[in-house]
Amino acid sequence: MKALFIHQNSPGQLRHLAAHLARQPGVEVLAIGRDTAPGMEGIRLLRYRPHRRPGKKIHPYVFSFEDAVLHGQQVLRLLLDLRSQGYRPDVVVAHPGWGETLYVKLAFPDTKLIHYTEYYYRLEGADAGFDPEFPLTLESAALISSRNALHLFNLEQCDVGITPTHWQKSLHPAAYHDKIQVIHEGIDIDRLKPDPGAFLKFPDGKELRAGDPVVTYVARNLEPYRGFHRFMRALPELLKAHPDCHVLVVGGDDISYGGRPDDATNWREKMLRENPVDPERVHFVGKVNYDLYRCILQVSAVHVYLTYPFVLSWSALEAMACGCLLVASDTAPVREVIRHGENGWLFDFFDGKALVEHVLHALSNPPEAAALRANARQSAQAYSTQKGTAGYMEWIEKLCGPFPSIEGVAGEA
């Protein structure tokens, strides 16, 4: 049995499934990714790079589609080379968002194609136009509408689509809903646990320990899509109201979604200029390694999670797995995992006062917070990597027939 994984940032969200398949007897796993992809130990990675950038004179509405075609063309060249060597994958599992799988079926028409259908853009009811600070212009609406051409092509090409949440599925056209399954890829529940003895030590000797009034905020990059601007505007009031609390902010200064501010190098610089805070109490730690990230969640007394109606961050689930008390924005993807007053607290994304009140209440009521933490930890069990892998394996078997061995997967879910 041969399984081929295609992901620009290989392995990306497909890491746990690829690792599981690589351990199975009689299964050969191969991966394709960009020249910048990290890859993973034990799995051969073929790297590619589009031979050019999209043309300078191309219409802006189709710029992203030409970029996708260039990615797909280069991957097709790799696939044809593999085919000439006698390679025939039984299944291709891929994230199609950058165009890599546009022409997979030209090289391997009989191969089953599973797409990670992460997001379908909407002009209403999702991220576009959600934040009045960044209104949706006619130009942006046209760009977004055109961008979905790639996603429609991907939906047509694949044999089955898999998306992490029911809300993400709901964004896709109804005509394709029967083709899309909801399976979250999962988080590492076994490594993400509460630790009452967790502590952080700063270079100046200062320590923060589990049980201290520590507020945490995490995003891949600090930007409006993840509510960084709303969080920063609430901080001065929070720090004033609770003079003993410390705040740990994890995230980089690049852009994952949206754009950069017009009047600053990055959003951290802009928001600190507009909302100065005490650097002795608000600690920007940047991007950190996994062990430090986990420790930060384990010392957290309250974890603030904000997001536009967009893809749910792994960090929200990972914080729950570590037993964090989440104070989170009442937006569609969050409501799928947080039930207000049961396993966390929800508040209006734009209501900074409510954010502060919930955080202060959590810091002042440890017994109530403990119950919510326990429930959050329990809720996170439904998003284990074992369960996610078992879900993917079920569909691979439906499409390709039984694998030589999938022992342990279903039992671990």
Protein backbone atom coordinates (compact mmCIF):
# COMPACT_ATOMS: atom_id res chain seq x y z
CA MET A 1 0.00 0.00 0.00
CA LYS A 2 1.38 3.40 -0.99
CA ALA A 3 0.22 6.67 0.60
CA LEU A 4 1.33 10.05 -0.74
CA PHE A 5 0.98 13.22 1.36
CA ILE A 6 1.01 16.64 -0.31
CA HIS A 7 1.18 19.79 1.78
CA GLN A 8 3.01 23.04 1.08
CA ASN A 9 4.28 23.10 4.68
CA SER A 10 4.60 19.32 4.92
CA PRO A 11 3.55 17.66 7.12
CA GLY A 12 1.30 20.46 8.47
CA GLN A 13 -2.03 19.25 9.82
CA LEU A 14 -1.36 15.78 8.38
CA ARG A 15 1.56 15.00 10.71
CA HIS A 16 -0.12 12.46 12.99
CA LEU A 17 -1.83 10.57 10.18
CA ALA A 18 1.41 10.37 8.18
CA ALA A 19 3.33 9.15 11.22
CA HIS A 20 0.71 6.51 11.94
CA LEU A 21 0.72 5.19 8.38
CA ALA A 22 4.52 5.12 8.32
CA ARG A 23 4.44 2.73 11.29
CA GLN A 24 2.11 0.26 9.57
CA PRO A 25 3.65 -2.90 8.06
CA GLY A 26 3.41 -2.99 4.29
CA VAL A 27 2.66 0.72 3.94
CA GLU A 28 5.02 3.03 2.04
CA VAL A 29 4.66 6.73 2.84
CA LEU A 30 6.01 9.52 0.64
CA ALA A 31 5.54 13.27 1.03
CA ILE A 32 5.70 16.32 -1.26
CA GLY A 33 6.16 19.86 0.05
CA ARG A 34 7.58 23.24 -0.83
CA ASP A 35 11.32 23.84 -0.66
CA THR A 36 10.66 25.57 2.69
CA ALA A 37 8.67 22.68 4.22
CA PRO A 38 10.10 21.27 7.47
CA GLY A 39 9.28 17.64 6.67
CA MET A 40 9.32 14.95 9.34
CA GLU A 41 11.76 12.31 10.43
CA GLY A 42 11.38 8.91 8.83
CA ILE A 43 9.31 10.06 5.83
CA ARG A 44 10.94 10.85 2.51
CA LEU A 45 10.08 14.38 1.36
CA LEU A 46 10.27 15.54 -2.25
CA ARG A 47 10.58 19.31 -2.37
CA TYR A 48 9.41 21.57 -5.15
CA ARG A 49 9.42 25.24 -6.04
CA PRO A 50 7.27 26.95 -8.69
CA HIS A 51 9.43 27.95 -11.63
CA ARG A 52 8.23 31.57 -11.48
CA ARG A 53 5.98 34.00 -9.67
CA PRO A 54 2.58 35.05 -11.09
CA GLY A 55 2.90 37.61 -13.87
CA LYS A 56 3.08 41.27 -12.91
CA LYS A 57 0.39 42.21 -15.41
CA ILE A 58 -2.10 39.55 -14.41
CA HIS A 59 -5.48 40.77 -13.19
CA PRO A 60 -5.40 41.01 -9.36
CA TYR A 61 -8.62 39.02 -9.04
CA VAL A 62 -6.93 35.94 -10.51
CA PHE A 63 -3.43 36.48 -9.09
CA SER A 64 -3.92 33.80 -6.42
CA PHE A 65 -5.32 31.36 -8.98
CA GLU A 66 -2.31 31.72 -11.27
CA ASP A 67 -0.11 31.20 -8.22
CA ALA A 68 -2.06 28.00 -7.50
CA VAL A 69 -1.65 26.83 -11.11
CA LEU A 70 2.11 27.37 -10.86
CA HIS A 71 2.22 25.26 -7.68
CA GLY A 72 0.06 22.58 -9.27
CA GLN A 73 2.18 22.53 -12.43
CA GLN A 74 5.39 21.97 -10.51
CA VAL A 75 3.86 19.20 -8.41
CA LEU A 76 2.51 17.59 -11.58
CA ARG A 77 6.06 17.47 -12.93
CA LEU A 78 7.14 15.64 -9.78
CA LEU A 79 4.23 13.22 -10.08
CA LEU A 80 4.95 12.46 -13.72
CA ASP A 81 8.56 11.76 -12.84
CA LEU A 82 7.41 9.38 -10.11
CA ARG A 83 5.04 7.69 -12.53
CA SER A 84 7.85 7.17 -15.05
CA GLN A 85 9.69 5.30 -12.30
CA GLY A 86 6.73 2.98 -11.78
CA TYR A 87 5.31 4.67 -8.67
CA ARG A 88 1.52 4.44 -8.22
CA PRO A 89 0.00 5.72 -4.95
CA ASP A 90 -3.17 4.08 -3.68
CA VAL A 91 -4.22 7.25 -1.88
CA VAL A 92 -3.17 10.90 -1.86
CA VAL A 93 -3.95 12.91 1.27
CA ALA A 94 -3.40 16.62 0.74
CA HIS A 95 -4.04 20.19 1.76
CA PRO A 96 -5.12 21.69 -1.58
CA GLY A 97 -5.18 25.32 -0.48
CA TRP A 98 -2.12 26.39 -2.48
CA GLY A 99 -2.95 24.52 -5.68
CA GLU A 100 -0.59 21.54 -5.39
CA THR A 101 -3.28 18.96 -6.17
CA LEU A 102 -4.91 20.68 -9.16
CA TYR A 103 -3.50 18.08 -11.55
CA VAL A 104 -3.01 14.99 -9.38
CA LYS A 105 -5.70 13.11 -11.29
CA LEU A 106 -3.90 13.78 -14.58
CA ALA A 107 -0.92 11.81 -13.32
CA PHE A 108 -2.85 9.20 -11.31
CA PRO A 109 -6.49 9.07 -12.48
CA ASP A 110 -7.30 5.94 -10.46
CA THR A 111 -5.74 7.12 -7.19
CA LYS A 112 -8.12 8.14 -4.42
CA LEU A 113 -7.71 11.79 -3.42
CA ILE A 114 -8.56 13.02 0.09
CA HIS A 115 -8.54 16.77 0.57
CA TYR A 116 -8.19 18.69 3.82
CA THR A 117 -10.91 21.20 2.99
CA GLU A 118 -9.96 23.83 5.52
CA TYR A 119 -11.88 26.92 4.49
CA TYR A 120 -14.34 28.30 1.95
CA TYR A 121 -14.63 32.07 1.85
CA ARG A 122 -17.91 33.87 2.47
CA LEU A 123 -18.78 37.54 2.04
CA GLU A 124 -21.20 37.33 4.98
CA GLY A 125 -21.27 35.31 8.18
CA ALA A 126 -17.54 34.63 8.47
CA ASP A 127 -14.30 36.62 8.69
CA ALA A 128 -14.90 39.01 5.79
CA GLY A 129 -16.41 42.27 7.06
CA PHE A 130 -16.73 40.93 10.62
CA ASP A 131 -14.62 43.67 12.21
CA PRO A 132 -15.94 47.21 11.53
CA GLU A 133 -12.39 48.54 11.89
CA PHE A 134 -11.58 46.72 8.68
CA PRO A 135 -14.69 47.08 6.48
CA LEU A 136 -15.13 44.89 3.44
CA THR A 137 -14.61 46.93 0.31
CA LEU A 138 -16.03 46.10 -3.11
CA GLU A 139 -12.50 45.36 -4.30
CA SER A 140 -11.89 42.94 -1.44
CA ALA A 141 -15.25 41.25 -2.03
CA ALA A 142 -14.36 40.65 -5.67
CA LEU A 143 -10.96 39.23 -4.68
CA ILE A 144 -12.56 36.87 -2.17
CA SER A 145 -15.23 35.70 -4.61
CA SER A 146 -12.59 34.94 -7.24
CA ARG A 147 -10.43 33.14 -4.71
CA ASN A 148 -13.10 30.50 -4.23
CA ALA A 149 -12.55 29.31 -7.80
CA LEU A 150 -9.61 27.23 -6.55
CA HIS A 151 -11.65 25.75 -3.73
CA LEU A 152 -14.49 24.79 -6.08
CA PHE A 153 -12.00 23.09 -8.38
CA ASN A 154 -10.55 21.23 -5.37
CA LEU A 155 -13.99 20.07 -4.27
CA GLU A 156 -14.65 18.69 -7.75
CA GLN A 157 -11.29 16.91 -7.91
CA CYS A 158 -11.29 15.06 -4.59
CA ASP A 159 -13.01 11.79 -3.73
CA VAL A 160 -13.73 13.02 -0.21
CA GLY A 161 -13.09 16.22 1.70
CA ILE A 162 -12.29 16.31 5.40
CA THR A 163 -12.68 19.45 7.50
CA PRO A 164 -11.95 19.93 11.23
CA THR A 165 -15.22 21.47 12.47
CA HIS A 166 -18.91 21.50 11.63
CA TRP A 167 -18.81 25.28 11.23
CA GLN A 168 -16.03 25.05 8.64
CA LYS A 169 -18.10 22.47 6.76
CA SER A 170 -21.12 24.78 6.83
CA LEU A 171 -19.20 27.44 4.91
CA HIS A 172 -18.81 25.20 1.86
CA PRO A 173 -21.55 25.16 -0.81
CA ALA A 174 -24.44 22.89 0.18
CA ALA A 175 -24.04 20.91 -3.04
CA TYR A 176 -20.76 19.49 -1.67
CA HIS A 177 -21.81 18.78 1.93
CA ASP A 178 -22.35 15.07 1.25
CA LYS A 179 -18.75 14.90 0.07
CA ILE A 180 -17.26 16.55 3.18
CA GLN A 181 -16.67 14.74 6.48
CA VAL A 182 -16.00 16.46 9.81
CA ILE A 183 -12.88 15.01 11.43
CA HIS A 184 -10.55 17.10 13.53
CA GLU A 185 -6.93 16.06 13.02
CA GLY A 186 -6.44 16.16 16.78
CA ILE A 187 -4.07 17.48 19.41
CA ASP A 188 -1.58 15.55 21.53
CA ILE A 189 -3.71 14.91 24.60
CA ASP A 190 -1.04 12.68 26.14
CA ARG A 191 1.53 15.50 26.23
CA LEU A 192 -0.90 18.30 27.04
CA LYS A 193 -1.90 17.92 30.68
CA PRO A 194 -2.29 20.10 33.75
CA ASP A 195 0.81 20.31 35.95
CA PRO A 196 0.34 21.84 39.42
CA GLY A 197 4.13 22.04 39.75
CA ALA A 198 4.73 23.96 36.52
CA PHE A 199 6.76 27.16 36.78
CA LEU A 200 8.56 29.68 34.59
CA LYS A 201 11.78 31.39 35.56
CA PHE A 202 12.82 34.66 33.91
CA PRO A 203 16.44 35.77 33.34
CA ASP A 204 16.13 38.29 36.18
CA GLY A 205 15.17 35.49 38.60
CA LYS A 206 11.44 36.23 38.67
CA GLU A 207 9.23 33.13 38.76
CA LEU A 208 5.64 32.49 37.80
CA ARG A 209 4.04 29.29 39.05
CA ALA A 210 0.81 27.39 38.54
CA GLY A 211 -1.67 28.95 40.95
CA ASP A 212 -0.32 32.49 40.51
CA PRO A 213 -2.61 35.11 38.88
CA VAL A 214 -1.24 34.59 35.36
CA VAL A 215 -3.22 35.56 32.25
CA THR A 216 -2.12 34.04 28.94
CA TYR A 217 -2.76 34.89 25.30
CA VAL A 218 -1.48 32.81 22.36
CA ALA A 219 -1.54 33.28 18.59
CA ARG A 220 0.81 32.18 15.83
CA ASN A 221 1.18 35.87 15.04
CA LEU A 222 -0.17 38.85 16.97
CA GLU A 223 -2.83 40.30 14.66
CA PRO A 224 -6.49 41.38 14.51
CA TYR A 225 -7.80 38.06 13.13
CA ARG A 226 -6.98 36.56 16.52
CA GLY A 227 -8.27 39.60 18.41
CA PHE A 228 -4.88 40.92 19.45
CA HIS A 229 -6.02 44.53 19.11
CA ARG A 230 -9.06 43.90 21.33
CA PHE A 231 -6.92 42.11 23.92
CA MET A 232 -4.38 44.92 24.07
CA ARG A 233 -7.05 47.58 24.54
CA ALA A 234 -8.40 45.67 27.54
CA LEU A 235 -5.03 45.17 29.22
CA PRO A 236 -4.56 48.59 30.89
CA GLU A 237 -7.89 48.25 32.71
CA LEU A 238 -7.15 44.66 33.71
CA LEU A 239 -3.69 45.50 35.06
CA LYS A 240 -5.11 48.41 37.03
CA ALA A 241 -7.94 46.35 38.50
CA HIS A 242 -5.66 43.46 39.49
CA PRO A 243 -2.26 44.90 40.46
CA ASP A 244 -0.72 41.46 41.14
CA CYS A 245 -1.48 39.67 37.88
CA HIS A 246 1.05 38.99 35.15
CA VAL A 247 0.32 38.54 31.45
CA LEU A 248 2.19 36.18 29.10
CA VAL A 249 1.76 36.86 25.39
CA VAL A 250 2.95 34.20 22.93
CA GLY A 251 3.19 34.92 19.21
CA GLY A 252 5.29 36.38 16.43
CA ASP A 253 5.21 39.71 14.64
CA ASP A 254 4.53 38.39 11.14
CA ILE A 255 1.18 38.15 9.37
CA SER A 256 -0.77 34.91 9.07
CA TYR A 257 -4.09 36.46 8.03
CA GLY A 258 -5.08 39.95 6.97
CA GLY A 259 -2.54 42.73 6.52
CA ARG A 260 0.00 44.82 8.39
CA PRO A 261 -0.91 48.14 10.02
CA ASP A 262 -0.37 51.24 7.89
CA ASP A 263 1.40 53.20 10.62
CA ALA A 264 3.68 50.60 12.26
CA THR A 265 5.99 47.72 11.42
CA ASN A 266 3.71 45.21 13.13
CA TRP A 267 0.59 45.02 15.30
CA ARG A 268 2.52 44.58 18.54
CA GLU A 269 4.37 47.84 17.98
CA LYS A 270 1.15 49.66 17.05
CA MET A 271 -0.92 48.38 19.96
CA LEU A 272 1.82 49.00 22.53
CA ARG A 273 2.14 52.56 21.27
CA GLU A 274 -1.61 53.07 21.66
CA ASN A 275 -1.95 51.04 24.89
CA PRO A 276 1.28 51.28 26.89
CA VAL A 277 1.62 48.62 29.59
CA ASP A 278 4.14 47.81 32.31
CA PRO A 279 6.81 45.56 30.73
CA GLU A 280 7.52 44.13 34.19
CA ARG A 281 4.04 42.62 34.18
CA VAL A 282 3.25 42.06 30.49
CA HIS A 283 5.76 39.65 28.98
CA PHE A 284 5.94 39.29 25.18
CA VAL A 285 7.82 36.03 24.72
CA GLY A 286 7.55 35.77 20.92
CA LYS A 287 7.43 32.35 19.29
CA VAL A 288 8.55 29.61 21.67
CA ASN A 289 9.40 25.91 21.50
CA TYR A 290 6.76 23.32 22.31
CA ASP A 291 7.88 22.53 25.85
CA LEU A 292 7.93 26.19 26.87
CA TYR A 293 4.58 26.76 25.18
CA ARG A 294 3.07 23.87 27.14
CA CYS A 295 4.55 25.19 30.38
CA ILE A 296 3.04 28.63 29.75
CA LEU A 297 -0.39 27.03 29.40
CA GLN A 298 0.19 24.98 32.55
CA VAL A 299 0.93 28.07 34.69
CA SER A 300 -2.04 29.96 33.24
CA ALA A 301 -4.82 30.95 35.62
CA VAL A 302 -6.91 32.40 32.77
CA HIS A 303 -6.34 31.92 29.06
CA VAL A 304 -7.85 34.55 26.75
CA TYR A 305 -8.73 33.32 23.27
CA LEU A 306 -10.17 35.62 20.65
CA THR A 307 -10.80 34.98 16.98
CA TYR A 308 -12.84 36.27 14.07
CA PRO A 309 -15.34 33.73 12.70
CA PHE A 310 -12.48 31.80 11.10
CA VAL A 311 -10.49 28.58 11.49
CA LEU A 312 -10.37 27.44 15.12
CA SER A 313 -6.81 27.59 16.46
CA TRP A 314 -5.12 24.49 17.80
CA SER A 315 -4.06 26.66 20.75
CA ALA A 316 -7.65 26.90 22.02
CA LEU A 317 -7.94 23.12 22.24
CA GLU A 318 -4.40 22.74 23.57
CA ALA A 319 -5.15 25.24 26.33
CA MET A 320 -8.27 23.26 27.24
CA ALA A 321 -6.24 20.05 27.32
CA CYS A 322 -3.82 21.68 29.76
CA GLY A 323 -6.75 22.50 32.02
CA CYS A 324 -6.86 26.23 31.28
CA LEU A 325 -9.89 28.31 32.07
CA LEU A 326 -10.77 29.89 28.73
CA VAL A 327 -12.29 33.32 28.47
CA ALA A 328 -13.10 33.31 24.78
CA SER A 329 -14.84 35.33 22.10
CA ASP A 330 -18.42 34.30 21.39
CA THR A 331 -17.76 33.60 17.71
CA ALA A 332 -19.00 30.68 15.63
CA PRO A 333 -15.94 28.38 15.66
CA VAL A 334 -15.46 28.90 19.41
CA ARG A 335 -19.06 28.05 20.26
CA GLU A 336 -18.46 24.60 18.81
CA VAL A 337 -16.07 23.74 21.66
CA ILE A 338 -16.84 26.18 24.51
CA ARG A 339 -20.16 26.11 26.32
CA HIS A 340 -20.59 29.24 28.38
CA GLY A 341 -20.49 28.59 32.12
CA GLU A 342 -19.77 24.88 31.63
CA ASN A 343 -16.24 24.52 30.26
CA GLY A 344 -15.30 28.17 29.83
CA TRP A 345 -16.74 31.65 29.49
CA LEU A 346 -17.77 33.44 26.32
CA PHE A 347 -18.03 37.16 25.73
CA ASP A 348 -18.70 39.46 22.79
CA PHE A 349 -15.54 39.84 20.68
CA PHE A 350 -15.88 43.63 20.76
CA ASP A 351 -16.73 43.98 24.46
CA GLY A 352 -13.45 44.77 26.21
CA LYS A 353 -15.23 45.48 29.48
CA ALA A 354 -16.75 41.98 29.51
CA LEU A 355 -13.33 40.49 28.80
CA VAL A 356 -11.87 42.24 31.85
CA GLU A 357 -14.81 41.31 34.07
CA HIS A 358 -14.61 37.62 33.19
CA VAL A 359 -10.85 37.49 33.74
CA LEU A 360 -11.14 39.26 37.10
CA HIS A 361 -13.98 36.96 38.16
CA ALA A 362 -11.91 33.91 37.26
CA LEU A 363 -8.88 35.15 39.19
CA SER A 364 -11.04 35.90 42.24
CA ASN A 365 -13.01 32.63 42.33
CA PRO A 366 -10.60 29.65 42.32
CA PRO A 367 -13.20 26.96 43.20
CA GLU A 368 -15.48 27.96 40.33
CA ALA A 369 -12.49 28.22 38.03
CA ALA A 370 -11.34 24.73 39.04
CA ALA A 371 -14.66 23.18 37.96
CA LEU A 372 -14.50 24.91 34.59
CA ARG A 373 -10.89 23.82 34.13
CA ALA A 374 -11.78 20.19 34.77
CA ASN A 375 -14.64 20.37 32.29
CA ALA A 376 -12.38 22.01 29.70
CA ARG A 377 -9.86 19.21 30.08
CA GLN A 378 -12.62 16.63 29.68
CA SER A 379 -14.01 18.37 26.58
CA ALA A 380 -10.58 18.36 24.94
CA GLN A 381 -10.48 14.55 25.04
CA ALA A 382 -12.84 14.50 22.05
CA TYR A 383 -10.07 16.10 19.97
CA SER A 384 -7.28 13.59 20.49
CA THR A 385 -4.87 12.70 17.70
CA GLN A 386 -5.87 9.06 18.17
CA LYS A 387 -9.50 9.87 17.41
CA GLY A 388 -8.55 12.09 14.49
CA THR A 389 -6.27 9.44 12.98
CA ALA A 390 -8.94 6.76 13.40
CA GLY A 391 -11.43 8.98 11.54
CA TYR A 392 -9.04 9.50 8.63
CA MET A 393 -8.17 5.80 8.54
CA GLU A 394 -11.83 4.87 8.34
CA TRP A 395 -12.20 6.92 5.17
CA ILE A 396 -8.97 5.66 3.66
CA GLU A 397 -10.24 2.13 4.14
CA LYS A 398 -13.62 3.01 2.63
CA LEU A 399 -11.89 4.35 -0.46
CA CYS A 400 -8.98 1.90 -0.78
CA GLY A 401 -9.97 -1.24 1.07
CA PRO A 402 -8.47 -2.58 4.32
CA PHE A 403 -4.90 -1.68 5.12
CA PRO A 404 -2.56 -4.47 6.26
CA SER A 405 -2.90 -3.26 9.85
CA ILE A 406 -4.62 -0.43 11.67
CA GLU A 407 -4.31 -2.04 15.08
CA GLY A 408 -4.53 0.29 18.05
CA VAL A 409 -6.09 3.26 16.34
CA ALA A 410 -9.76 2.66 17.09
CA GLY A 411 -8.98 1.41 20.57
CA GLU A 412 -7.02 4.56 21.41
CA ALA A 413 -9.87 6.86 20.47
